[in-house]
């Protein structure tokens, strides 16, 4: 019998050009060091944020007689012009990290230097694949990781790498716009505020607006420091910062996006509240409880094993007084709860959801200030392999972010995807569903064996609408 032909070689991204983009002008104070508070400095050892949107090209671009190269050139120039205007408002993203050292007394701190930088990076790349090639496989193809710059970079690398990099990857019938943003400069709220602002500026310039477009929601760039500690803050480094930094390599993972309709989520919320005799448990807490239970079951841990669940909590409104919703920086901490596997699986959905609800409700301004005071006494940075253990799950991102409202003259994106960054066994990222209306997509990362068991878990799959 004739053996089957070998599989085709994997297609790879071709890099066509790159350049750096600066603001057309700079606001007052741009040349002063931007010192980083504890929530920012704690991020120095984790990866950049890597998120992007997949857009189909207009049908006319696929016509044989259409001048597609001219269309792409014009599109890229419009992106660069609007990016430049966006950087006027978000000028720290055009900077670099720098280190201030003093010998006596010993002092070592990292800050943003906006005066000595070529700007944000902008890359044009291409790939001989279609939109369907990206979306139709059950698991997210590995090639998607190539849609983002700064692969595997940690935030401390922002001393030499751009703090923001935009990669526009041209597909056979689509375009992927991928952003890599240094996580020491901002969290997911900051990331999507920038993405949303860039989109609004692009649309305004399409209508003839000037280079610097005013924003209805400008970022609040002044960093929040705890009282009596205005900064700069010293880190326990010597000349070699490796004592605090670590590079994390993820194990082999399957990455799959599961979709939950608004009705399915409403059903989970109703059931969790019914089991607890309350109405206070939220939709997201109910969905998180489901995922926590089902992944714990798929991992086949013994009943006595303690398993944790962490939720990335936005602290802006929790502080007293609260921060601006447009605060540009990191204002997140992981809220953790834990239980023995036997308790988690032996009790109902509502039991797990109530644990999560209680942990979130107790995440107070007093606890946040205590965290900052403790950090100042004992500075440390997050290490992915220590902060997030193999027995836990971590719910990151948020379905509340306006991710599908970003348009760049191509209509609405058809999908959101992420890069290699900050993924590990049990990482779950929550996105709004494409159709909106309260639907949610969960990007779940698990080892192949665990993923296979999750995919046949009746409780889990009963809630999945499609994926």
Protein backbone atom coordinates (compact mmCIF):
# COMPACT_ATOMS: atom_id res chain seq x y z
CA UNK A 1 0.00 0.00 0.00
CA UNK A 2 1.28 3.45 -0.87
CA UNK A 3 2.01 5.43 2.30
CA UNK A 4 0.16 8.73 2.70
CA UNK A 5 2.04 11.83 1.60
CA UNK A 6 3.85 13.75 4.31
CA UNK A 7 2.00 16.72 5.78
CA UNK A 8 2.72 20.05 4.14
CA UNK A 9 5.39 22.13 5.82
CA UNK A 10 4.01 24.69 8.26
CA UNK A 11 3.43 28.07 6.72
CA UNK A 12 5.23 30.92 8.39
CA UNK A 13 4.84 34.67 8.58
CA UNK A 14 6.95 36.77 6.19
CA UNK A 15 8.13 40.10 7.57
CA UNK A 16 7.91 42.82 4.94
CA UNK A 17 8.84 46.05 6.71
CA UNK A 18 9.05 47.75 10.06
CA UNK A 19 9.49 51.27 11.34
CA UNK A 20 9.01 53.33 14.48
CA UNK A 21 6.16 55.77 15.08
CA UNK A 22 6.30 58.83 17.33
CA UNK A 23 3.65 61.36 18.35
CA UNK A 24 3.33 64.33 15.98
CA UNK A 25 3.96 66.55 19.00
CA UNK A 26 4.41 65.97 22.70
CA UNK A 27 2.38 67.33 25.63
CA UNK A 28 3.80 69.23 28.59
CA UNK A 29 5.84 67.11 30.95
CA UNK A 30 6.73 64.44 28.40
CA UNK A 31 10.46 64.63 29.19
CA UNK A 32 10.10 63.98 32.93
CA UNK A 33 10.70 60.44 34.22
CA UNK A 34 7.48 58.49 34.76
CA UNK A 35 8.05 56.60 37.99
CA UNK A 36 6.22 53.31 38.52
CA UNK A 37 4.25 52.32 41.64
CA UNK A 38 4.12 48.80 43.16
CA UNK A 39 1.38 47.41 40.88
CA UNK A 40 3.53 48.32 37.85
CA UNK A 41 6.89 47.20 39.22
CA UNK A 42 5.43 43.83 40.27
CA UNK A 43 4.89 43.10 36.56
CA UNK A 44 8.54 43.35 35.49
CA UNK A 45 9.02 39.58 35.18
CA UNK A 46 5.83 38.67 33.30
CA UNK A 47 5.20 38.88 29.57
CA UNK A 48 3.87 41.72 27.46
CA UNK A 49 0.11 41.81 26.87
CA UNK A 50 -0.57 40.35 23.40
CA UNK A 51 -4.07 40.71 22.00
CA UNK A 52 -5.32 41.34 18.48
CA UNK A 53 -8.28 41.38 16.11
CA UNK A 54 -8.92 39.50 12.88
CA UNK A 55 -10.66 41.43 10.10
CA UNK A 56 -11.83 40.12 6.73
CA UNK A 57 -10.85 42.25 3.75
CA UNK A 58 -13.65 43.96 1.81
CA UNK A 59 -14.90 41.76 -1.08
CA UNK A 60 -13.60 44.22 -3.66
CA UNK A 61 -10.03 43.52 -2.48
CA UNK A 62 -10.40 39.94 -3.74
CA UNK A 63 -11.41 40.91 -7.28
CA UNK A 64 -8.71 40.01 -9.85
CA UNK A 65 -8.50 43.54 -11.23
CA UNK A 66 -8.35 45.32 -7.87
CA UNK A 67 -5.09 47.09 -7.00
CA UNK A 68 -4.63 45.39 -3.66
CA UNK A 69 -1.02 46.55 -3.05
CA UNK A 70 -2.14 50.18 -3.33
CA UNK A 71 -5.03 49.50 -0.94
CA UNK A 72 -2.71 47.92 1.63
CA UNK A 73 -0.18 50.76 1.34
CA UNK A 74 -2.91 53.32 1.95
CA UNK A 75 -4.32 51.27 4.85
CA UNK A 76 -0.92 51.01 6.53
CA UNK A 77 -0.28 54.74 6.18
CA UNK A 78 -3.65 55.50 7.77
CA UNK A 79 -2.85 53.12 10.63
CA UNK A 80 0.51 54.79 11.21
CA UNK A 81 -0.95 58.30 11.08
CA UNK A 82 -3.70 57.45 13.59
CA UNK A 83 -1.21 55.55 15.78
CA UNK A 84 0.97 58.65 15.90
CA UNK A 85 -2.01 60.73 17.05
CA UNK A 86 -2.93 58.11 19.66
CA UNK A 87 0.61 58.24 21.03
CA UNK A 88 0.19 61.96 21.70
CA UNK A 89 -2.37 61.02 24.36
CA UNK A 90 -0.57 57.83 25.45
CA UNK A 91 2.98 59.14 25.05
CA UNK A 92 4.58 56.77 27.64
CA UNK A 93 3.98 53.94 25.13
CA UNK A 94 6.45 55.66 22.80
CA UNK A 95 9.16 55.54 25.48
CA UNK A 96 11.48 52.93 26.93
CA UNK A 97 12.19 51.64 30.41
CA UNK A 98 15.28 52.98 32.12
CA UNK A 99 17.03 52.29 35.40
CA UNK A 100 18.15 54.78 37.99
CA UNK A 101 20.95 53.54 40.26
CA UNK A 102 22.62 55.14 43.24
CA UNK A 103 25.40 53.57 45.28
CA UNK A 104 25.04 55.28 48.64
CA UNK A 105 22.56 54.60 50.00
CA UNK A 106 21.86 51.69 47.63
CA UNK A 107 18.96 52.54 45.34
CA UNK A 108 17.69 50.91 42.16
CA UNK A 109 14.44 51.77 40.42
CA UNK A 110 12.87 51.33 37.00
CA UNK A 111 10.98 54.17 35.31
CA UNK A 112 9.65 55.16 31.88
CA UNK A 113 11.97 57.40 29.87
CA UNK A 114 9.96 59.18 27.18
CA UNK A 115 12.85 61.38 26.02
CA UNK A 116 15.25 58.76 24.67
CA UNK A 117 13.34 56.42 22.39
CA UNK A 118 12.69 55.88 18.69
CA UNK A 119 8.98 55.39 19.47
CA UNK A 120 6.49 52.53 19.12
CA UNK A 121 7.28 49.81 16.61
CA UNK A 122 5.08 49.17 13.56
CA UNK A 123 5.49 45.96 11.52
CA UNK A 124 3.95 44.85 8.22
CA UNK A 125 3.95 41.08 7.68
CA UNK A 126 2.13 38.56 5.48
CA UNK A 127 1.01 34.94 5.66
CA UNK A 128 -0.33 32.62 2.94
CA UNK A 129 -3.37 31.55 4.93
CA UNK A 130 -7.03 32.53 4.97
CA UNK A 131 -9.33 33.75 7.72
CA UNK A 132 -10.94 30.29 7.68
CA UNK A 133 -7.52 28.67 8.16
CA UNK A 134 -7.23 30.59 11.43
CA UNK A 135 -10.78 30.11 12.69
CA UNK A 136 -11.87 26.66 11.50
CA UNK A 137 -9.48 24.41 13.47
CA UNK A 138 -10.71 23.19 16.86
CA UNK A 139 -7.60 24.55 18.54
CA UNK A 140 -6.02 27.93 17.92
CA UNK A 141 -3.18 27.34 15.40
CA UNK A 142 0.33 27.91 16.71
CA UNK A 143 0.99 30.31 13.83
CA UNK A 144 -1.22 32.88 15.60
CA UNK A 145 1.66 33.41 18.03
CA UNK A 146 3.62 34.81 15.05
CA UNK A 147 1.03 37.59 14.68
CA UNK A 148 2.63 39.40 17.62
CA UNK A 149 5.98 41.07 18.13
CA UNK A 150 8.10 40.65 21.28
CA UNK A 151 7.46 36.91 21.49
CA UNK A 152 8.34 35.62 24.99
CA UNK A 153 9.75 39.01 26.03
CA UNK A 154 9.30 39.97 29.66
CA UNK A 155 8.47 43.51 30.65
CA UNK A 156 11.96 44.25 31.98
CA UNK A 157 13.11 43.83 28.36
CA UNK A 158 11.40 47.17 27.71
CA UNK A 159 14.79 48.72 28.47
CA UNK A 160 15.76 47.78 24.90
CA UNK A 161 12.47 46.81 23.25
CA UNK A 162 9.61 49.14 22.34
CA UNK A 163 6.92 49.37 25.01
CA UNK A 164 4.29 49.09 22.28
CA UNK A 165 4.54 47.15 19.06
CA UNK A 166 1.86 46.89 16.37
CA UNK A 167 2.06 44.04 13.86
CA UNK A 168 -0.28 44.09 10.85
CA UNK A 169 -0.30 40.63 9.26
CA UNK A 170 -1.84 40.47 5.80
CA UNK A 171 -3.68 37.21 5.05
CA UNK A 172 -5.04 35.96 1.71
CA UNK A 173 -8.46 37.42 2.51
CA UNK A 174 -8.00 39.30 5.78
CA UNK A 175 -5.83 41.34 8.09
CA UNK A 176 -4.80 40.68 11.69
CA UNK A 177 -3.88 43.68 13.85
CA UNK A 178 -1.88 42.46 16.84
CA UNK A 179 -0.70 44.68 19.69
CA UNK A 180 2.06 43.84 22.16
CA UNK A 181 2.09 46.25 25.12
CA UNK A 182 4.46 46.23 28.04
CA UNK A 183 2.47 44.99 31.04
CA UNK A 184 4.51 47.13 33.46
CA UNK A 185 3.03 50.18 31.72
CA UNK A 186 -0.61 49.13 31.94
CA UNK A 187 -3.14 46.37 32.54
CA UNK A 188 -5.97 45.07 30.37
CA UNK A 189 -8.15 48.11 31.09
CA UNK A 190 -5.30 50.35 29.92
CA UNK A 191 -4.61 48.14 26.89
CA UNK A 192 -8.18 48.30 25.62
CA UNK A 193 -8.51 52.02 26.42
CA UNK A 194 -5.56 52.56 24.09
CA UNK A 195 -6.94 50.21 21.41
CA UNK A 196 -10.38 51.88 21.58
CA UNK A 197 -8.82 55.35 21.42
CA UNK A 198 -6.68 54.42 18.42
CA UNK A 199 -9.76 53.13 16.62
CA UNK A 200 -11.72 56.32 17.33
CA UNK A 201 -8.83 58.45 16.07
CA UNK A 202 -8.57 56.33 12.90
CA UNK A 203 -12.27 56.84 12.21
CA UNK A 204 -12.07 60.58 12.91
CA UNK A 205 -9.14 60.98 10.53
CA UNK A 206 -11.08 59.08 7.86
CA UNK A 207 -13.57 61.96 8.08
CA UNK A 208 -10.85 64.57 7.65
CA UNK A 209 -9.74 65.27 11.23
CA UNK A 210 -6.37 66.80 12.02
CA UNK A 211 -3.31 64.85 13.13
CA UNK A 212 -3.98 65.26 16.87
CA UNK A 213 -7.57 64.19 17.51
CA UNK A 214 -9.07 65.04 20.92
CA UNK A 215 -10.45 62.16 22.96
CA UNK A 216 -13.69 62.06 24.92
CA UNK A 217 -12.03 59.63 27.37
CA UNK A 218 -8.36 60.65 27.59
CA UNK A 219 -6.09 58.50 29.73
CA UNK A 220 -5.24 59.59 33.28
CA UNK A 221 -1.45 59.23 33.14
CA UNK A 222 -0.56 60.33 36.70
CA UNK A 223 0.44 57.20 38.59
CA UNK A 224 -1.18 56.31 41.93
CA UNK A 225 1.21 55.81 44.84
CA UNK A 226 0.25 54.90 48.41
CA UNK A 227 0.17 57.83 50.82
CA UNK A 228 3.55 58.65 52.36
CA UNK A 229 5.30 56.79 49.51
CA UNK A 230 5.19 59.16 46.52
CA UNK A 231 8.04 57.42 44.72
CA UNK A 232 10.39 56.65 43.22
CA UNK A 233 10.48 53.24 44.90
CA UNK A 234 13.64 51.19 45.27
CA UNK A 235 13.95 47.55 44.22
CA UNK A 236 16.28 45.08 45.99
CA UNK A 237 18.56 44.75 42.97
CA UNK A 238 22.29 44.80 42.63
CA UNK A 239 23.91 45.51 39.28
CA UNK A 240 22.31 42.24 38.14
CA UNK A 241 18.49 42.20 38.41
CA UNK A 242 18.31 38.44 37.82
CA UNK A 243 17.65 37.85 41.52
CA UNK A 244 14.13 39.14 40.94
CA UNK A 245 13.50 38.24 37.32
CA UNK A 246 12.66 34.88 35.77
CA UNK A 247 11.65 33.74 32.29
CA UNK A 248 8.75 31.35 32.05
CA UNK A 249 8.35 28.70 29.35
CA UNK A 250 4.89 27.20 29.11
CA UNK A 251 4.44 23.42 28.84
CA UNK A 252 2.75 21.93 25.79
CA UNK A 253 -0.73 23.42 25.76
CA UNK A 254 -3.92 23.15 23.75
CA UNK A 255 -5.67 26.47 23.34
CA UNK A 256 -9.37 26.47 22.51
CA UNK A 257 -12.05 29.15 22.46
CA UNK A 258 -15.41 28.08 23.91
CA UNK A 259 -18.53 30.17 23.30
CA UNK A 260 -21.35 30.76 25.80
CA UNK A 261 -24.56 32.46 24.71
CA UNK A 262 -26.26 35.05 26.90
CA UNK A 263 -29.04 32.54 27.59
CA UNK A 264 -26.57 29.84 28.67
CA UNK A 265 -24.85 32.25 31.06
CA UNK A 266 -28.18 33.45 32.44
CA UNK A 267 -29.05 29.82 33.13
CA UNK A 268 -25.81 29.29 35.07
CA UNK A 269 -26.41 32.44 37.10
CA UNK A 270 -29.98 31.45 37.91
CA UNK A 271 -28.92 27.95 38.99
CA UNK A 272 -26.05 29.20 41.17
CA UNK A 273 -28.30 31.72 42.91
CA UNK A 274 -31.10 29.15 43.30
CA UNK A 275 -28.75 26.70 44.99
CA UNK A 276 -27.59 29.42 47.40
CA UNK A 277 -30.98 31.03 47.98
CA UNK A 278 -29.69 34.43 46.92
CA UNK A 279 -29.64 36.85 43.98
CA UNK A 280 -26.18 38.33 44.59
CA UNK A 281 -23.97 35.93 42.59
CA UNK A 282 -23.00 37.44 39.25
CA UNK A 283 -22.99 35.91 35.79
CA UNK A 284 -19.21 35.92 35.64
CA UNK A 285 -18.85 34.32 39.08
CA UNK A 286 -21.25 31.57 38.03
CA UNK A 287 -19.35 30.91 34.80
CA UNK A 288 -16.02 30.94 36.64
CA UNK A 289 -17.36 28.44 39.16
CA UNK A 290 -18.35 26.10 36.34
CA UNK A 291 -14.90 26.32 34.72
CA UNK A 292 -13.10 25.83 38.04
CA UNK A 293 -15.12 22.72 38.90
CA UNK A 294 -14.82 21.13 35.47
CA UNK A 295 -11.09 21.73 35.05
CA UNK A 296 -10.48 20.32 38.53
CA UNK A 297 -12.43 17.21 37.49
CA UNK A 298 -10.50 16.92 34.20
CA UNK A 299 -7.19 17.12 36.04
CA UNK A 300 -8.17 14.04 38.08
CA UNK A 301 -6.71 15.33 41.31
CA UNK A 302 -7.33 13.33 44.51
CA UNK A 303 -10.16 14.62 46.74
CA UNK A 304 -7.69 15.91 49.35
CA UNK A 305 -5.79 18.14 46.88
CA UNK A 306 -6.32 21.86 47.42
CA UNK A 307 -7.22 23.68 44.21
CA UNK A 308 -7.33 27.44 43.81
CA UNK A 309 -9.17 29.87 41.58
CA UNK A 310 -7.88 33.37 40.91
CA UNK A 311 -9.76 36.21 39.24
CA UNK A 312 -7.97 39.32 37.96
CA UNK A 313 -9.75 42.15 39.78
CA UNK A 314 -9.81 45.75 38.58
CA UNK A 315 -9.00 47.90 41.62
CA UNK A 316 -9.88 51.34 40.19
CA UNK A 317 -13.36 51.57 41.73
CA UNK A 318 -12.37 49.62 44.85
CA UNK A 319 -9.87 52.14 46.15
CA UNK A 320 -11.15 54.87 48.47
CA UNK A 321 -11.05 57.44 46.99
CA UNK A 322 -11.47 55.62 43.66
CA UNK A 323 -9.18 56.01 40.67
CA UNK A 324 -10.44 57.33 37.37
CA UNK A 325 -11.91 54.62 35.09
CA UNK A 326 -9.34 55.91 32.56
CA UNK A 327 -6.40 55.46 34.94
CA UNK A 328 -3.55 54.35 32.67
CA UNK A 329 -1.33 51.91 34.52
CA UNK A 330 -1.73 48.68 36.44
CA UNK A 331 -4.53 48.56 38.96
CA UNK A 332 -5.19 44.83 39.19
CA UNK A 333 -4.50 42.09 41.69
CA UNK A 334 -5.53 38.43 41.61
CA UNK A 335 -8.36 37.61 44.02
CA UNK A 336 -7.89 34.03 45.21
CA UNK A 337 -10.12 31.43 46.79
CA UNK A 338 -9.39 27.75 47.34
CA UNK A 339 -11.04 24.47 48.30
CA UNK A 340 -10.27 20.79 48.44
CA UNK A 341 -11.17 19.00 45.22
CA UNK A 342 -13.52 16.67 47.05
CA UNK A 343 -15.48 19.62 48.46
CA UNK A 344 -15.50 21.46 45.16
CA UNK A 345 -16.82 18.52 43.15
CA UNK A 346 -19.02 17.13 45.90
CA UNK A 347 -20.92 20.38 46.27
CA UNK A 348 -22.99 22.15 43.65
CA UNK A 349 -22.24 25.01 41.27
CA UNK A 350 -23.68 27.49 43.76
CA UNK A 351 -21.27 26.42 46.50
CA UNK A 352 -18.26 27.25 44.32
CA UNK A 353 -19.85 30.44 43.02
CA UNK A 354 -20.52 31.66 46.56
CA UNK A 355 -16.86 31.11 47.49
CA UNK A 356 -15.87 33.30 44.55
CA UNK A 357 -18.50 35.91 45.35
CA UNK A 358 -17.28 36.18 48.95
CA UNK A 359 -13.64 36.57 47.88
CA UNK A 360 -14.55 39.36 45.44
CA UNK A 361 -16.79 41.12 47.99
CA UNK A 362 -13.97 41.12 50.55
CA UNK A 363 -11.50 42.66 48.08
CA UNK A 364 -11.59 46.08 49.77
CA UNK A 365 -9.66 49.34 49.69
CA UNK A 366 -8.11 48.44 53.04
CA UNK A 367 -6.75 45.16 51.63
CA UNK A 368 -5.37 46.95 48.57
CA UNK A 369 -3.56 49.51 50.68
CA UNK A 370 -2.21 46.74 52.90
CA UNK A 371 -0.88 44.94 49.80
CA UNK A 372 0.94 48.10 48.69
CA UNK A 373 2.41 48.75 52.14
CA UNK A 374 3.66 45.15 52.35
CA UNK A 375 5.16 45.41 48.86
CA UNK A 376 7.09 48.57 49.75
CA UNK A 377 8.58 46.77 52.76
CA UNK A 378 9.39 43.62 50.74
CA UNK A 379 9.46 44.40 47.00
CA UNK A 380 8.95 41.45 44.69
CA UNK A 381 7.76 40.70 41.18
CA UNK A 382 5.29 38.13 39.90
CA UNK A 383 6.77 34.87 38.60
CA UNK A 384 4.31 32.90 36.48
CA UNK A 385 5.61 29.54 37.66
CA UNK A 386 5.21 30.51 41.33
CA UNK A 387 2.25 32.87 41.32
CA UNK A 388 0.01 30.50 39.37
CA UNK A 389 0.43 26.87 40.42
CA UNK A 390 -0.56 23.70 38.56
CA UNK A 391 -3.48 23.08 40.91
CA UNK A 392 -5.23 26.38 40.20
CA UNK A 393 -6.93 28.23 37.40
CA UNK A 394 -6.60 31.92 36.60
CA UNK A 395 -9.39 33.97 35.04
CA UNK A 396 -7.87 36.89 33.17
CA UNK A 397 -9.02 39.65 30.83
CA UNK A 398 -12.70 40.66 30.94
CA UNK A 399 -15.86 40.37 28.82
CA UNK A 400 -16.62 43.97 29.80
CA UNK A 401 -13.85 45.43 27.65
CA UNK A 402 -15.02 46.92 24.35
CA UNK A 403 -13.00 44.64 22.10
CA UNK A 404 -15.25 44.36 19.05
CA UNK A 405 -15.95 48.10 18.92
CA UNK A 406 -12.56 48.70 17.31
CA UNK A 407 -12.85 49.39 13.59
CA UNK A 408 -10.22 50.49 11.11
CA UNK A 409 -12.18 50.92 7.92
CA UNK A 410 -12.68 47.15 7.50
CA UNK A 411 -15.90 46.73 9.48
CA UNK A 412 -16.25 44.67 12.62
CA UNK A 413 -13.60 42.09 13.49
CA UNK A 414 -14.65 38.44 13.23
CA UNK A 415 -12.48 37.15 16.08
CA UNK A 416 -10.11 38.08 18.87
CA UNK A 417 -6.94 36.09 19.43
CA UNK A 418 -3.90 36.34 21.70
CA UNK A 419 -0.21 35.49 21.54
CA UNK A 420 2.09 33.25 23.55
CA UNK A 421 2.28 35.68 26.46
CA UNK A 422 1.23 34.79 30.00
CA UNK A 423 -0.23 31.38 29.17
CA UNK A 424 0.10 28.36 31.40
CA UNK A 425 -1.82 25.27 32.49
CA UNK A 426 -5.16 26.61 33.71
CA UNK A 427 -5.04 30.11 32.19
CA UNK A 428 -8.51 31.24 31.07
CA UNK A 429 -9.12 34.56 29.32
CA UNK A 430 -12.62 35.99 29.08
CA UNK A 431 -13.71 37.96 26.02
CA UNK A 432 -17.08 39.34 24.92
CA UNK A 433 -18.82 37.08 22.44
CA UNK A 434 -18.80 38.29 18.85
CA UNK A 435 -22.57 38.78 18.78
CA UNK A 436 -22.55 40.81 22.02
CA UNK A 437 -25.66 40.87 24.18
CA UNK A 438 -23.97 39.37 27.20
CA UNK A 439 -22.41 36.39 25.41
CA UNK A 440 -18.87 35.39 26.44
CA UNK A 441 -15.95 33.59 24.81
CA UNK A 442 -13.46 31.79 27.04
CA UNK A 443 -9.96 31.09 25.76
CA UNK A 444 -8.82 28.08 27.80
CA UNK A 445 -5.24 26.75 27.90
CA UNK A 446 -4.66 23.20 29.14
CA UNK A 447 -2.30 20.28 28.45
CA UNK A 448 -3.63 17.95 25.71
CA UNK A 449 -4.82 15.19 28.07
CA UNK A 450 -6.64 17.58 30.38
CA UNK A 451 -8.24 19.40 27.46
CA UNK A 452 -9.48 16.12 25.99
CA UNK A 453 -11.17 15.24 29.30
CA UNK A 454 -12.71 18.69 29.63
CA UNK A 455 -14.18 18.38 26.12
CA UNK A 456 -16.18 15.30 27.16
CA UNK A 457 -17.24 16.63 30.56
CA UNK A 458 -21.08 16.65 30.46
CA UNK A 459 -21.45 19.53 32.93
CA UNK A 460 -19.00 21.71 31.05
CA UNK A 461 -20.17 20.99 27.51
CA UNK A 462 -23.85 21.41 28.43
CA UNK A 463 -23.21 25.13 28.88
CA UNK A 464 -21.12 25.57 25.72
CA UNK A 465 -23.22 27.00 22.92
CA UNK A 466 -20.69 26.44 20.16
CA UNK A 467 -16.95 26.95 19.77
